[in-house]
């Protein structure tokens, strides 16, 4: 199965800092999918909060989300929703 990819501009006013990153990691635990996020020159395993925080992605940055597995589409949608949440 080919990976699903979405490119999004982060509109969450906090970017990928502690709270949104923690919410994302928790939500992704429910999916049978492997998800990676690329921002700038860095790539993170989306279920590792330290990896996600190390991206340093902020509002206005572009992120590419890669998702593979049986629940790839649902996992991808969950990540995109968090990255674009405008609170």
N, C-alpha and C. Protein backbone atom coordinates (compact mmCIF):
# COMPACT_ATOMS: atom_id res chain seq x y z
N UNK A 1 0.85 -1.18 0.00
CA UNK A 1 0.00 0.00 0.00
C UNK A 1 0.89 1.24 0.00
N UNK A 2 0.59 2.18 -0.88
CA UNK A 2 1.36 3.42 -0.96
C UNK A 2 1.06 4.32 0.23
N UNK A 3 2.07 5.07 0.67
CA UNK A 3 1.82 5.99 1.78
C UNK A 3 0.91 7.13 1.33
N UNK A 4 0.16 7.64 2.27
CA UNK A 4 -0.67 8.83 2.02
C UNK A 4 0.16 10.02 2.49
N UNK A 5 0.10 11.10 1.73
CA UNK A 5 0.90 12.29 2.06
C UNK A 5 0.02 13.52 1.98
N UNK A 6 0.18 14.39 2.97
CA UNK A 6 -0.52 15.68 2.95
C UNK A 6 0.50 16.77 3.29
N UNK A 7 0.41 17.87 2.59
CA UNK A 7 1.27 19.01 2.89
C UNK A 7 0.36 20.10 3.45
N UNK A 8 0.67 20.56 4.63
CA UNK A 8 -0.18 21.55 5.29
C UNK A 8 0.64 22.69 5.87
N UNK A 9 0.02 23.86 5.92
CA UNK A 9 0.61 24.99 6.62
C UNK A 9 0.06 24.94 8.04
N UNK A 10 0.95 24.97 9.00
CA UNK A 10 0.54 24.90 10.40
C UNK A 10 -0.14 26.21 10.78
N UNK A 11 -1.42 26.12 11.12
CA UNK A 11 -2.17 27.31 11.53
C UNK A 11 -2.48 27.30 13.02
N UNK A 12 -2.16 26.19 13.69
CA UNK A 12 -2.34 26.14 15.14
C UNK A 12 -1.46 27.24 15.72
N UNK A 13 -2.02 28.16 16.52
CA UNK A 13 -1.24 29.30 17.01
C UNK A 13 -0.05 28.90 17.89
N UNK A 14 -0.03 27.69 18.38
CA UNK A 14 1.08 27.22 19.21
C UNK A 14 2.08 26.41 18.42
N UNK A 15 1.79 26.16 17.14
CA UNK A 15 2.67 25.31 16.34
C UNK A 15 2.65 23.91 16.92
N UNK A 16 3.76 23.23 16.80
CA UNK A 16 3.86 21.86 17.35
C UNK A 16 4.59 21.90 18.68
N UNK A 17 4.05 22.65 19.62
CA UNK A 17 4.65 22.71 20.94
C UNK A 17 3.99 21.68 21.85
N UNK A 18 4.27 21.73 23.13
CA UNK A 18 3.93 20.65 24.07
C UNK A 18 2.47 20.19 24.03
N UNK A 19 1.51 21.10 24.17
CA UNK A 19 0.12 20.65 24.25
C UNK A 19 -0.38 20.02 22.95
N UNK A 20 -0.27 20.71 21.80
CA UNK A 20 -0.76 20.06 20.58
C UNK A 20 0.02 18.80 20.23
N UNK A 21 1.30 18.77 20.53
CA UNK A 21 2.10 17.57 20.26
C UNK A 21 1.62 16.41 21.13
N UNK A 22 1.34 16.68 22.40
CA UNK A 22 0.86 15.62 23.30
C UNK A 22 -0.51 15.10 22.86
N UNK A 23 -1.39 16.00 22.44
CA UNK A 23 -2.71 15.60 21.95
C UNK A 23 -2.55 14.71 20.72
N UNK A 24 -1.68 15.10 19.80
CA UNK A 24 -1.47 14.33 18.58
C UNK A 24 -0.93 12.94 18.89
N UNK A 25 0.08 12.85 19.73
CA UNK A 25 0.67 11.56 20.09
C UNK A 25 -0.39 10.65 20.70
N UNK A 26 -1.20 11.19 21.60
CA UNK A 26 -2.26 10.38 22.24
C UNK A 26 -3.27 9.88 21.22
N UNK A 27 -3.72 10.76 20.33
CA UNK A 27 -4.71 10.36 19.32
C UNK A 27 -4.15 9.29 18.38
N UNK A 28 -2.89 9.41 18.01
CA UNK A 28 -2.32 8.47 17.05
C UNK A 28 -2.15 7.07 17.62
N UNK A 29 -2.10 6.94 18.92
CA UNK A 29 -1.99 5.61 19.54
C UNK A 29 -3.18 4.72 19.20
N UNK A 30 -4.31 5.34 18.84
CA UNK A 30 -5.53 4.58 18.54
C UNK A 30 -5.55 4.03 17.11
N UNK A 31 -4.61 4.45 16.28
CA UNK A 31 -4.63 4.05 14.87
C UNK A 31 -3.56 3.02 14.55
N UNK A 32 -3.90 2.11 13.65
CA UNK A 32 -2.94 1.14 13.13
C UNK A 32 -2.30 1.77 11.90
N UNK A 33 -1.36 2.68 12.15
CA UNK A 33 -0.70 3.41 11.07
C UNK A 33 0.64 3.92 11.57
N UNK A 34 1.57 4.06 10.65
CA UNK A 34 2.87 4.65 10.95
C UNK A 34 2.87 6.04 10.34
N UNK A 35 3.10 7.06 11.17
CA UNK A 35 2.99 8.44 10.71
C UNK A 35 4.30 9.18 10.98
N UNK A 36 4.76 9.89 9.95
CA UNK A 36 5.95 10.73 10.06
C UNK A 36 5.58 12.16 9.67
N UNK A 37 6.28 13.11 10.27
CA UNK A 37 6.07 14.52 9.94
C UNK A 37 7.42 15.10 9.55
N UNK A 38 7.45 15.80 8.42
CA UNK A 38 8.65 16.50 7.98
C UNK A 38 8.38 18.00 8.09
N UNK A 39 9.33 18.71 8.66
CA UNK A 39 9.25 20.17 8.72
C UNK A 39 10.67 20.69 8.55
N UNK A 40 10.87 21.51 7.56
CA UNK A 40 12.23 21.97 7.27
C UNK A 40 13.08 20.78 6.86
N UNK A 41 14.22 20.63 7.47
CA UNK A 41 15.14 19.54 7.15
C UNK A 41 15.00 18.37 8.12
N UNK A 42 14.02 18.43 9.01
CA UNK A 42 13.88 17.40 10.04
C UNK A 42 12.67 16.50 9.79
N UNK A 43 12.77 15.26 10.26
CA UNK A 43 11.67 14.30 10.18
C UNK A 43 11.42 13.74 11.57
N UNK A 44 10.15 13.60 11.94
CA UNK A 44 9.80 13.08 13.26
C UNK A 44 8.84 11.91 13.15
N UNK A 45 9.03 10.95 14.07
CA UNK A 45 8.05 9.89 14.27
C UNK A 45 6.91 10.55 15.04
N UNK A 46 5.71 10.57 14.47
CA UNK A 46 4.61 11.33 15.06
C UNK A 46 4.08 10.77 16.37
N UNK A 47 4.50 9.58 16.78
CA UNK A 47 4.06 9.05 18.07
C UNK A 47 5.14 9.21 19.15
N UNK A 48 6.19 9.96 18.83
CA UNK A 48 7.23 10.26 19.80
C UNK A 48 7.19 11.75 20.11
N UNK A 49 6.74 12.10 21.31
CA UNK A 49 6.60 13.52 21.63
C UNK A 49 7.94 14.25 21.54
N UNK A 50 9.02 13.62 21.94
CA UNK A 50 10.32 14.28 21.87
C UNK A 50 10.73 14.52 20.42
N UNK A 51 10.45 13.56 19.57
CA UNK A 51 10.75 13.69 18.15
C UNK A 51 9.94 14.82 17.53
N UNK A 52 8.66 14.89 17.87
CA UNK A 52 7.78 15.94 17.34
C UNK A 52 8.23 17.31 17.83
N UNK A 53 8.53 17.43 19.11
CA UNK A 53 8.97 18.72 19.66
C UNK A 53 10.29 19.17 19.04
N UNK A 54 11.16 18.22 18.71
CA UNK A 54 12.46 18.54 18.12
C UNK A 54 12.33 19.16 16.73
N UNK A 55 11.18 19.00 16.10
CA UNK A 55 10.97 19.63 14.79
C UNK A 55 11.03 21.15 14.91
N UNK A 56 10.56 21.67 16.03
CA UNK A 56 10.53 23.12 16.23
C UNK A 56 9.60 23.83 15.26
N UNK A 57 8.57 23.14 14.78
CA UNK A 57 7.65 23.71 13.80
C UNK A 57 6.68 24.68 14.46
N UNK A 58 6.57 25.85 13.88
CA UNK A 58 5.70 26.87 14.43
C UNK A 58 4.61 27.29 13.47
N UNK A 59 3.76 28.21 13.92
CA UNK A 59 2.69 28.70 13.06
C UNK A 59 3.26 29.28 11.77
N UNK A 60 2.64 28.94 10.65
CA UNK A 60 3.09 29.43 9.35
C UNK A 60 4.08 28.51 8.66
N UNK A 61 4.66 27.57 9.40
CA UNK A 61 5.58 26.61 8.79
C UNK A 61 4.80 25.58 7.99
N UNK A 62 5.44 25.02 6.97
CA UNK A 62 4.82 23.96 6.18
C UNK A 62 5.31 22.61 6.67
N UNK A 63 4.40 21.68 6.82
CA UNK A 63 4.74 20.32 7.24
C UNK A 63 4.20 19.33 6.22
N UNK A 64 4.96 18.26 5.98
CA UNK A 64 4.49 17.15 5.15
C UNK A 64 4.25 15.98 6.09
N UNK A 65 3.05 15.44 6.01
CA UNK A 65 2.66 14.33 6.86
C UNK A 65 2.56 13.08 5.99
N UNK A 66 3.29 12.03 6.38
CA UNK A 66 3.29 10.75 5.67
C UNK A 66 2.62 9.72 6.57
N UNK A 67 1.69 8.97 6.04
CA UNK A 67 0.98 7.97 6.83
C UNK A 67 0.87 6.67 6.04
N UNK A 68 1.21 5.55 6.69
CA UNK A 68 1.12 4.23 6.06
C UNK A 68 0.45 3.26 7.01
N UNK A 69 -0.26 2.29 6.45
CA UNK A 69 -0.87 1.25 7.26
C UNK A 69 -2.36 1.16 7.01
N UNK A 70 -3.00 0.18 7.67
CA UNK A 70 -4.43 -0.06 7.47
C UNK A 70 -5.32 1.15 7.78
N UNK A 71 -4.91 1.97 8.73
CA UNK A 71 -5.72 3.14 9.11
C UNK A 71 -5.01 4.45 8.75
N UNK A 72 -4.24 4.41 7.66
CA UNK A 72 -3.44 5.56 7.26
C UNK A 72 -4.28 6.81 7.02
N UNK A 73 -5.41 6.66 6.35
CA UNK A 73 -6.22 7.83 6.02
C UNK A 73 -6.77 8.50 7.28
N UNK A 74 -7.29 7.73 8.21
CA UNK A 74 -7.83 8.30 9.45
C UNK A 74 -6.74 8.96 10.28
N UNK A 75 -5.57 8.33 10.34
CA UNK A 75 -4.45 8.90 11.10
C UNK A 75 -3.99 10.20 10.46
N UNK A 76 -3.90 10.23 9.15
CA UNK A 76 -3.49 11.44 8.43
C UNK A 76 -4.48 12.57 8.70
N UNK A 77 -5.76 12.27 8.64
CA UNK A 77 -6.79 13.29 8.90
C UNK A 77 -6.68 13.83 10.33
N UNK A 78 -6.39 12.96 11.29
CA UNK A 78 -6.26 13.39 12.69
C UNK A 78 -5.09 14.36 12.85
N UNK A 79 -3.96 14.05 12.22
CA UNK A 79 -2.78 14.92 12.33
C UNK A 79 -3.05 16.26 11.65
N UNK A 80 -3.60 16.23 10.46
CA UNK A 80 -3.90 17.48 9.74
C UNK A 80 -4.85 18.35 10.56
N UNK A 81 -5.84 17.75 11.20
CA UNK A 81 -6.79 18.52 12.02
C UNK A 81 -6.08 19.22 13.17
N UNK A 82 -5.13 18.56 13.79
CA UNK A 82 -4.40 19.17 14.91
C UNK A 82 -3.50 20.29 14.42
N UNK A 83 -2.81 20.07 13.31
CA UNK A 83 -1.89 21.08 12.78
C UNK A 83 -2.61 22.33 12.30
N UNK A 84 -3.85 22.17 11.89
CA UNK A 84 -4.58 23.31 11.34
C UNK A 84 -5.66 23.85 12.29
N UNK A 85 -5.70 23.31 13.50
CA UNK A 85 -6.66 23.78 14.50
C UNK A 85 -6.32 25.23 14.87
N UNK A 86 -7.30 26.09 14.84
CA UNK A 86 -7.04 27.50 15.12
C UNK A 86 -7.52 27.93 16.50
N UNK A 87 -7.92 26.97 17.31
CA UNK A 87 -8.38 27.20 18.69
C UNK A 87 -9.27 28.40 18.76
